[in-house]
Amino acid sequence: MTSDFDMALFLRPVLKGAHATRQRHIRQAGRMHEAIRERWGCATPWSWKKKHTRWFFEHYLRYSAPATVYYYELTAGLIRRRRESIKLTVSSIWISAHQAVVSRN
C-alpha cells in the first residue's frame, strides 16, 4: 500500500548533488516513511519523533551493511534539515506578523 505523501516534493528544497544521489535519497526516504508508517502509523515526516527514527535504525536496519546504514543516516539528516527549515520559516513568519501587530498598537 502506498501513501499519498510525496517524499520527493518534501525533500526537493534540501536535495543537492548528482541525479543518482538525489534519487537514492528519495528512494531511501520513501522506505523509511513506509516502514515507520506501517509500524507506528505516522502518516508524514512531520509527525515523526526521535523514537521513530531510532526504531528504524536499531530494528529495521539491524541486519544491513554498515554502508547502507551510513547512507540512510545521510537521508535522515536531509529529512531533519527539511523539518527544521520549515520550523524556522513558520516561526519567522509568526514573529513578523506579531511585530506588525505590536507596531500598530
N, C-alpha and C. Protein backbone atom coordinates (compact mmCIF):
# COMPACT_ATOMS: atom_id res chain seq x y z
N MET A 1 0.84 -1.17 0.00
CA MET A 1 0.00 0.00 0.00
C MET A 1 0.89 1.24 0.00
N THR A 2 0.65 2.15 -0.89
CA THR A 2 1.43 3.36 -0.95
C THR A 2 0.68 4.48 -0.27
N SER A 3 1.43 5.45 0.22
CA SER A 3 0.79 6.57 0.89
C SER A 3 0.65 7.73 -0.09
N ASP A 4 -0.13 8.71 0.30
CA ASP A 4 -0.35 9.88 -0.55
C ASP A 4 0.73 10.93 -0.37
N PHE A 5 1.60 10.76 0.62
CA PHE A 5 2.63 11.75 0.90
C PHE A 5 3.72 11.68 -0.16
N ASP A 6 4.08 12.83 -0.75
CA ASP A 6 5.09 12.89 -1.80
C ASP A 6 6.45 13.25 -1.19
N MET A 7 7.27 12.23 -0.97
CA MET A 7 8.57 12.44 -0.35
C MET A 7 9.50 13.25 -1.24
N ALA A 8 9.41 13.08 -2.56
CA ALA A 8 10.26 13.85 -3.47
C ALA A 8 9.97 15.34 -3.35
N LEU A 9 8.72 15.68 -3.27
CA LEU A 9 8.33 17.08 -3.12
C LEU A 9 8.78 17.62 -1.77
N PHE A 10 8.66 16.82 -0.74
CA PHE A 10 9.08 17.21 0.61
C PHE A 10 10.58 17.49 0.66
N LEU A 11 11.39 16.65 0.01
CA LEU A 11 12.85 16.77 0.10
C LEU A 11 13.45 17.72 -0.94
N ARG A 12 12.70 18.10 -1.94
CA ARG A 12 13.25 18.88 -3.04
C ARG A 12 14.09 20.09 -2.61
N PRO A 13 13.67 20.90 -1.63
CA PRO A 13 14.49 22.07 -1.27
C PRO A 13 15.86 21.74 -0.67
N VAL A 14 16.03 20.56 -0.11
CA VAL A 14 17.31 20.24 0.52
C VAL A 14 18.16 19.25 -0.29
N LEU A 15 17.63 18.74 -1.39
CA LEU A 15 18.38 17.79 -2.21
C LEU A 15 19.39 18.51 -3.08
N LYS A 16 20.61 18.03 -3.02
CA LYS A 16 21.68 18.58 -3.86
C LYS A 16 22.50 17.42 -4.37
N GLY A 17 23.31 17.68 -5.37
CA GLY A 17 24.20 16.65 -5.87
C GLY A 17 23.72 16.05 -7.17
N ALA A 18 24.33 14.93 -7.50
CA ALA A 18 24.05 14.24 -8.75
C ALA A 18 22.63 13.67 -8.76
N HIS A 19 22.13 13.44 -9.95
CA HIS A 19 20.78 12.89 -10.12
C HIS A 19 20.64 11.55 -9.39
N ALA A 20 21.65 10.68 -9.51
CA ALA A 20 21.59 9.37 -8.86
C ALA A 20 21.54 9.51 -7.34
N THR A 21 22.28 10.47 -6.80
CA THR A 21 22.28 10.71 -5.36
C THR A 21 20.91 11.19 -4.90
N ARG A 22 20.34 12.13 -5.64
CA ARG A 22 19.00 12.63 -5.29
C ARG A 22 17.97 11.51 -5.33
N GLN A 23 18.05 10.67 -6.35
CA GLN A 23 17.11 9.56 -6.48
C GLN A 23 17.28 8.56 -5.34
N ARG A 24 18.53 8.31 -4.92
CA ARG A 24 18.78 7.40 -3.80
C ARG A 24 18.15 7.94 -2.52
N HIS A 25 18.34 9.25 -2.27
CA HIS A 25 17.75 9.85 -1.07
C HIS A 25 16.23 9.76 -1.09
N ILE A 26 15.63 10.01 -2.24
CA ILE A 26 14.17 9.93 -2.35
C ILE A 26 13.70 8.50 -2.11
N ARG A 27 14.39 7.55 -2.71
CA ARG A 27 14.03 6.13 -2.55
C ARG A 27 14.17 5.70 -1.09
N GLN A 28 15.29 6.06 -0.45
CA GLN A 28 15.51 5.67 0.93
C GLN A 28 14.53 6.37 1.88
N ALA A 29 14.25 7.63 1.62
CA ALA A 29 13.28 8.35 2.45
C ALA A 29 11.91 7.71 2.32
N GLY A 30 11.58 7.26 1.12
CA GLY A 30 10.30 6.57 0.92
C GLY A 30 10.23 5.27 1.70
N ARG A 31 11.34 4.53 1.72
CA ARG A 31 11.37 3.28 2.50
C ARG A 31 11.25 3.57 3.99
N MET A 32 11.96 4.61 4.45
CA MET A 32 11.85 4.99 5.86
C MET A 32 10.40 5.35 6.19
N HIS A 33 9.80 6.13 5.32
CA HIS A 33 8.43 6.56 5.54
C HIS A 33 7.47 5.38 5.61
N GLU A 34 7.61 4.45 4.68
CA GLU A 34 6.72 3.28 4.67
C GLU A 34 6.89 2.43 5.92
N ALA A 35 8.15 2.19 6.31
CA ALA A 35 8.41 1.36 7.49
C ALA A 35 7.85 2.00 8.76
N ILE A 36 8.10 3.30 8.91
CA ILE A 36 7.62 4.00 10.11
C ILE A 36 6.10 4.10 10.08
N ARG A 37 5.52 4.32 8.91
CA ARG A 37 4.06 4.42 8.81
C ARG A 37 3.40 3.09 9.15
N GLU A 38 3.98 1.99 8.66
CA GLU A 38 3.40 0.67 8.96
C GLU A 38 3.53 0.31 10.43
N ARG A 39 4.67 0.64 11.03
CA ARG A 39 4.92 0.27 12.43
C ARG A 39 4.22 1.20 13.41
N TRP A 40 4.31 2.51 13.17
CA TRP A 40 3.85 3.49 14.14
C TRP A 40 2.60 4.25 13.70
N GLY A 41 2.24 4.17 12.43
CA GLY A 41 1.06 4.88 11.96
C GLY A 41 1.27 6.36 11.70
N CYS A 42 2.52 6.79 11.62
CA CYS A 42 2.82 8.19 11.34
C CYS A 42 2.69 8.44 9.85
N ALA A 43 1.75 9.28 9.47
CA ALA A 43 1.44 9.47 8.05
C ALA A 43 2.47 10.31 7.31
N THR A 44 3.13 11.23 7.99
CA THR A 44 4.11 12.11 7.33
C THR A 44 5.33 12.29 8.22
N PRO A 45 6.45 12.73 7.66
CA PRO A 45 7.63 13.00 8.49
C PRO A 45 7.40 14.11 9.52
N TRP A 46 6.38 14.93 9.33
CA TRP A 46 6.08 15.97 10.32
C TRP A 46 5.72 15.36 11.66
N SER A 47 5.16 14.16 11.66
CA SER A 47 4.72 13.54 12.91
C SER A 47 5.76 12.60 13.51
N TRP A 48 6.92 12.46 12.86
CA TRP A 48 7.96 11.58 13.39
C TRP A 48 8.59 12.18 14.62
N LYS A 49 8.95 11.31 15.54
CA LYS A 49 9.72 11.71 16.71
C LYS A 49 11.03 10.95 16.69
N LYS A 50 11.91 11.27 17.63
CA LYS A 50 13.21 10.58 17.68
C LYS A 50 13.05 9.08 17.83
N LYS A 51 12.05 8.66 18.59
CA LYS A 51 11.86 7.22 18.81
C LYS A 51 11.56 6.50 17.51
N HIS A 52 10.91 7.16 16.57
CA HIS A 52 10.58 6.53 15.30
C HIS A 52 11.83 6.29 14.45
N THR A 53 12.67 7.32 14.35
CA THR A 53 13.89 7.14 13.55
C THR A 53 14.86 6.20 14.27
N ARG A 54 14.90 6.28 15.60
CA ARG A 54 15.77 5.36 16.35
C ARG A 54 15.32 3.92 16.12
N TRP A 55 14.00 3.67 16.14
CA TRP A 55 13.49 2.33 15.86
C TRP A 55 13.90 1.89 14.46
N PHE A 56 13.79 2.79 13.50
CA PHE A 56 14.13 2.43 12.12
C PHE A 56 15.58 1.96 12.04
N PHE A 57 16.49 2.71 12.66
CA PHE A 57 17.91 2.35 12.58
C PHE A 57 18.25 1.12 13.43
N GLU A 58 17.67 1.01 14.61
CA GLU A 58 18.02 -0.09 15.51
C GLU A 58 17.34 -1.40 15.16
N HIS A 59 16.16 -1.35 14.59
CA HIS A 59 15.41 -2.58 14.33
C HIS A 59 15.25 -2.87 12.84
N TYR A 60 14.80 -1.90 12.09
CA TYR A 60 14.56 -2.14 10.67
C TYR A 60 15.86 -2.40 9.91
N LEU A 61 16.92 -1.67 10.26
CA LEU A 61 18.20 -1.81 9.56
C LEU A 61 19.21 -2.66 10.33
N ARG A 62 18.77 -3.43 11.31
CA ARG A 62 19.72 -4.14 12.17
C ARG A 62 20.60 -5.14 11.44
N TYR A 63 20.13 -5.70 10.33
CA TYR A 63 20.94 -6.68 9.59
C TYR A 63 21.55 -6.08 8.32
N SER A 64 21.47 -4.79 8.17
CA SER A 64 22.01 -4.14 6.97
C SER A 64 23.50 -3.89 7.12
N ALA A 65 24.15 -3.75 5.99
CA ALA A 65 25.59 -3.46 5.96
C ALA A 65 25.84 -2.07 6.53
N PRO A 66 27.02 -1.85 7.12
CA PRO A 66 27.34 -0.53 7.66
C PRO A 66 27.24 0.59 6.62
N ALA A 67 27.60 0.30 5.39
CA ALA A 67 27.50 1.32 4.34
C ALA A 67 26.04 1.70 4.10
N THR A 68 25.15 0.73 4.15
CA THR A 68 23.73 1.01 3.96
C THR A 68 23.20 1.89 5.08
N VAL A 69 23.58 1.57 6.31
CA VAL A 69 23.15 2.36 7.46
C VAL A 69 23.67 3.79 7.32
N TYR A 70 24.91 3.93 6.87
CA TYR A 70 25.50 5.26 6.68
C TYR A 70 24.69 6.08 5.68
N TYR A 71 24.32 5.49 4.56
CA TYR A 71 23.56 6.22 3.55
C TYR A 71 22.16 6.58 4.06
N TYR A 72 21.57 5.71 4.85
CA TYR A 72 20.28 6.05 5.46
C TYR A 72 20.44 7.17 6.48
N GLU A 73 21.57 7.22 7.19
CA GLU A 73 21.82 8.32 8.12
C GLU A 73 21.92 9.65 7.37
N LEU A 74 22.54 9.62 6.20
CA LEU A 74 22.60 10.84 5.38
C LEU A 74 21.19 11.29 4.98
N THR A 75 20.37 10.35 4.58
CA THR A 75 18.99 10.66 4.19
C THR A 75 18.20 11.19 5.39
N ALA A 76 18.39 10.57 6.55
CA ALA A 76 17.71 11.05 7.76
C ALA A 76 18.14 12.47 8.10
N GLY A 77 19.40 12.79 7.85
CA GLY A 77 19.88 14.15 8.06
C GLY A 77 19.18 15.15 7.15
N LEU A 78 18.93 14.76 5.91
CA LEU A 78 18.20 15.64 4.99
C LEU A 78 16.76 15.86 5.46
N ILE A 79 16.13 14.80 5.93
CA ILE A 79 14.76 14.92 6.43
C ILE A 79 14.74 15.85 7.64
N ARG A 80 15.71 15.68 8.54
CA ARG A 80 15.80 16.53 9.73
C ARG A 80 16.02 17.99 9.33
N ARG A 81 16.92 18.22 8.36
CA ARG A 81 17.19 19.59 7.91
C ARG A 81 15.95 20.22 7.28
N ARG A 82 15.20 19.44 6.52
CA ARG A 82 13.99 19.96 5.89
C ARG A 82 12.95 20.33 6.94
N ARG A 83 12.78 19.49 7.93
CA ARG A 83 11.83 19.79 9.00
C ARG A 83 12.23 21.05 9.75
N GLU A 84 13.52 21.21 10.03
CA GLU A 84 13.99 22.39 10.75
C GLU A 84 13.84 23.65 9.92
N SER A 85 14.06 23.56 8.61
CA SER A 85 13.93 24.75 7.76
C SER A 85 12.49 25.24 7.73
N ILE A 86 11.55 24.33 7.73
CA ILE A 86 10.13 24.72 7.76
C ILE A 86 9.79 25.35 9.10
N LYS A 87 10.29 24.78 10.19
CA LYS A 87 10.02 25.34 11.51
C LYS A 87 10.55 26.76 11.61
N LEU A 88 11.76 27.00 11.07
CA LEU A 88 12.34 28.34 11.10
C LEU A 88 11.51 29.30 10.26
N THR A 89 11.05 28.86 9.11
CA THR A 89 10.25 29.71 8.24
C THR A 89 8.93 30.08 8.91
N VAL A 90 8.27 29.11 9.49
CA VAL A 90 6.99 29.36 10.15
C VAL A 90 7.18 30.29 11.34
N SER A 91 8.23 30.07 12.13
CA SER A 91 8.44 30.92 13.30
C SER A 91 8.82 32.34 12.89
N SER A 92 9.59 32.50 11.80
CA SER A 92 9.93 33.85 11.36
C SER A 92 8.70 34.58 10.82
N ILE A 93 7.80 33.87 10.16
CA ILE A 93 6.55 34.47 9.69
C ILE A 93 5.71 34.90 10.88
N TRP A 94 5.63 34.04 11.90
CA TRP A 94 4.86 34.37 13.09
C TRP A 94 5.44 35.59 13.79
N ILE A 95 6.77 35.66 13.90
CA ILE A 95 7.42 36.79 14.55
C ILE A 95 7.16 38.07 13.77
N SER A 96 7.25 38.01 12.44
CA SER A 96 6.98 39.19 11.61
C SER A 96 5.54 39.66 11.79
N ALA A 97 4.61 38.73 11.80
CA ALA A 97 3.20 39.10 11.98
C ALA A 97 2.98 39.69 13.37
N HIS A 98 3.62 39.12 14.37
CA HIS A 98 3.48 39.62 15.73
C HIS A 98 4.05 41.03 15.85
N GLN A 99 5.21 41.27 15.22
CA GLN A 99 5.82 42.60 15.26
C GLN A 99 4.94 43.63 14.56
N ALA A 100 4.29 43.23 13.47
CA ALA A 100 3.40 44.15 12.76
C ALA A 100 2.21 44.53 13.63
N VAL A 101 1.67 43.57 14.36
CA VAL A 101 0.54 43.85 15.24
C VAL A 101 0.98 44.75 16.39
N VAL A 102 2.14 44.49 16.95
CA VAL A 102 2.64 45.28 18.07
C VAL A 102 2.93 46.71 17.63
N SER A 103 3.49 46.88 16.43
CA SER A 103 3.83 48.22 15.96
C SER A 103 2.58 49.06 15.67
N ARG A 104 1.46 48.40 15.36
CA ARG A 104 0.21 49.13 15.14
C ARG A 104 -0.34 49.70 16.44
N ASN A 105 -0.09 49.01 17.52
CA ASN A 105 -0.65 49.43 18.82
C ASN A 105 0.16 50.48 19.45
